[in-house]
Amino acid sequence: MIKVFKLINGEELISEVKESGVGYEMTSPASIMMQQTPDGKVGVGIAPYMPYASGKVTLHRTAIAGEAEADQKMANEY
């Protein structure tokens, strides 16, 4: 399942996840960032989250302000 997270520090992440005891085990997590497109509109960009980590990344429940399943368009972008 691909989920989107809003963290308590304001960051937004997208990742394929599996629930674990303390939160979620993320595979290839990415940061979601708002960015301006060349035509002046606002778009969404994604970049690797913790690109130097090897293996899966654990996201603790205490760091999450909100979560939802990713909409199809965002999941396809990911």
C-alpha atoms as a PDB file:
ATOM      1  CA  MET A   1       0.000   0.000   0.000  1.00  0.00           C
ATOM      2  CA  ILE A   2       1.264   3.502  -0.852  1.00  0.00           C
ATOM      3  CA  LYS A   3       0.595   6.100   1.852  1.00  0.00           C
ATOM      4  CA  VAL A   4       1.170   9.824   2.286  1.00  0.00           C
ATOM      5  CA  PHE A   5       2.284  11.133   5.682  1.00  0.00           C
ATOM      6  CA  LYS A   6       2.335  14.617   7.196  1.00  0.00           C
ATOM      7  CA  LEU A   7       4.972  14.619   9.925  1.00  0.00           C
ATOM      8  CA  ILE A   8       4.831  16.726  13.071  1.00  0.00           C
ATOM      9  CA  ASN A   9       7.782  18.777  11.744  1.00  0.00           C
ATOM     10  CA  GLY A  10       5.765  19.724   8.620  1.00  0.00           C
ATOM     11  CA  GLU A  11       7.478  17.396   6.130  1.00  0.00           C
ATOM     12  CA  GLU A  12       5.336  15.301   3.803  1.00  0.00           C
ATOM     13  CA  LEU A  13       6.394  11.821   2.694  1.00  0.00           C
ATOM     14  CA  ILE A  14       5.112   9.195   0.293  1.00  0.00           C
ATOM     15  CA  SER A  15       6.116   5.566   0.447  1.00  0.00           C
ATOM     16  CA  GLU A  16       5.098   1.990   0.002  1.00  0.00           C
ATOM     17  CA  VAL A  17       4.570   0.834   3.586  1.00  0.00           C
ATOM     18  CA  LYS A  18       4.029  -2.149   5.811  1.00  0.00           C
ATOM     19  CA  GLU A  19       2.869  -1.692   9.412  1.00  0.00           C
ATOM     20  CA  SER A  20       5.390  -2.607  12.090  1.00  0.00           C
ATOM     21  CA  GLY A  21       5.260  -2.607  15.877  1.00  0.00           C
ATOM     22  CA  VAL A  22       6.326   1.029  16.329  1.00  0.00           C
ATOM     23  CA  GLY A  23       4.896   2.513  13.140  1.00  0.00           C
ATOM     24  CA  TYR A  24       5.563   1.819   9.482  1.00  0.00           C
ATOM     25  CA  GLU A  25       8.348   0.132   7.554  1.00  0.00           C
ATOM     26  CA  MET A  26       8.877   2.277   4.432  1.00  0.00           C
ATOM     27  CA  THR A  27      10.348   1.090   1.139  1.00  0.00           C
ATOM     28  CA  SER A  28      11.952   3.807  -1.027  1.00  0.00           C
ATOM     29  CA  PRO A  29      10.393   6.760   0.840  1.00  0.00           C
ATOM     30  CA  ALA A  30      10.272  10.156  -0.873  1.00  0.00           C
ATOM     31  CA  SER A  31       9.758  13.734   0.325  1.00  0.00           C
ATOM     32  CA  ILE A  32       6.901  15.646  -1.295  1.00  0.00           C
ATOM     33  CA  MET A  33       7.686  19.287  -2.074  1.00  0.00           C
ATOM     34  CA  MET A  34       5.666  22.079  -3.591  1.00  0.00           C
ATOM     35  CA  GLN A  35       7.517  23.808  -6.423  1.00  0.00           C
ATOM     36  CA  GLN A  36       6.868  26.427  -9.036  1.00  0.00           C
ATOM     37  CA  THR A  37       6.546  25.167 -12.604  1.00  0.00           C
ATOM     38  CA  PRO A  38       8.171  27.006 -15.539  1.00  0.00           C
ATOM     39  CA  ASP A  39       4.797  28.546 -16.423  1.00  0.00           C
ATOM     40  CA  GLY A  40       4.425  30.034 -12.918  1.00  0.00           C
ATOM     41  CA  LYS A  41       1.943  27.530 -11.520  1.00  0.00           C
ATOM     42  CA  VAL A  42       2.454  25.470  -8.380  1.00  0.00           C
ATOM     43  CA  GLY A  43       3.303  21.810  -8.854  1.00  0.00           C
ATOM     44  CA  VAL A  44       4.469  18.888  -6.779  1.00  0.00           C
ATOM     45  CA  GLY A  45       7.928  17.368  -6.837  1.00  0.00           C
ATOM     46  CA  ILE A  46       9.330  14.337  -5.066  1.00  0.00           C
ATOM     47  CA  ALA A  47      12.875  13.606  -3.933  1.00  0.00           C
ATOM     48  CA  PRO A  48      14.412  10.625  -2.144  1.00  0.00           C
ATOM     49  CA  TYR A  49      14.021  10.719   1.652  1.00  0.00           C
ATOM     50  CA  MET A  50      17.145   9.542   3.513  1.00  0.00           C
ATOM     51  CA  PRO A  51      18.903   8.613   0.234  1.00  0.00           C
ATOM     52  CA  TYR A  52      22.002   7.332   2.021  1.00  0.00           C
ATOM     53  CA  ALA A  53      20.137   4.811   4.173  1.00  0.00           C
ATOM     54  CA  SER A  54      20.293   1.180   3.117  1.00  0.00           C
ATOM     55  CA  GLY A  55      17.272  -1.065   3.349  1.00  0.00           C
ATOM     56  CA  LYS A  56      13.916  -0.116   4.763  1.00  0.00           C
ATOM     57  CA  VAL A  57      13.278   3.019   6.857  1.00  0.00           C
ATOM     58  CA  THR A  58      11.127   2.910   9.998  1.00  0.00           C
ATOM     59  CA  LEU A  59       8.684   5.778  10.537  1.00  0.00           C
ATOM     60  CA  HIS A  60       7.582   5.953  14.186  1.00  0.00           C
ATOM     61  CA  ARG A  61       3.933   6.713  14.938  1.00  0.00           C
ATOM     62  CA  THR A  62       4.994   9.510  17.315  1.00  0.00           C
ATOM     63  CA  ALA A  63       6.410  11.461  14.328  1.00  0.00           C
ATOM     64  CA  ILE A  64       3.147  11.379  12.328  1.00  0.00           C
ATOM     65  CA  ALA A  65       0.620  14.231  12.428  1.00  0.00           C
ATOM     66  CA  GLY A  66      -1.605  12.689   9.726  1.00  0.00           C
ATOM     67  CA  GLU A  67      -1.704   9.899   7.162  1.00  0.00           C
ATOM     68  CA  ALA A  68      -3.794   8.764   4.206  1.00  0.00           C
ATOM     69  CA  GLU A  69      -3.652   6.440   1.232  1.00  0.00           C
ATOM     70  CA  ALA A  70      -2.081   8.223  -1.726  1.00  0.00           C
ATOM     71  CA  ASP A  71      -4.477   9.269  -4.468  1.00  0.00           C
ATOM     72  CA  GLN A  72      -3.901   7.473  -7.774  1.00  0.00           C
ATOM     73  CA  LYS A  73      -2.255  10.431  -9.541  1.00  0.00           C
ATOM     74  CA  MET A  74       0.285  10.874  -6.731  1.00  0.00           C
ATOM     75  CA  ALA A  75       0.896   7.129  -6.470  1.00  0.00           C
ATOM     76  CA  ASN A  76       1.642   7.046 -10.216  1.00  0.00           C
ATOM     77  CA  GLU A  77       4.088   9.960  -9.837  1.00  0.00           C
ATOM     78  CA  TYR A  78       5.842   8.110  -7.009  1.00  0.00           C
END
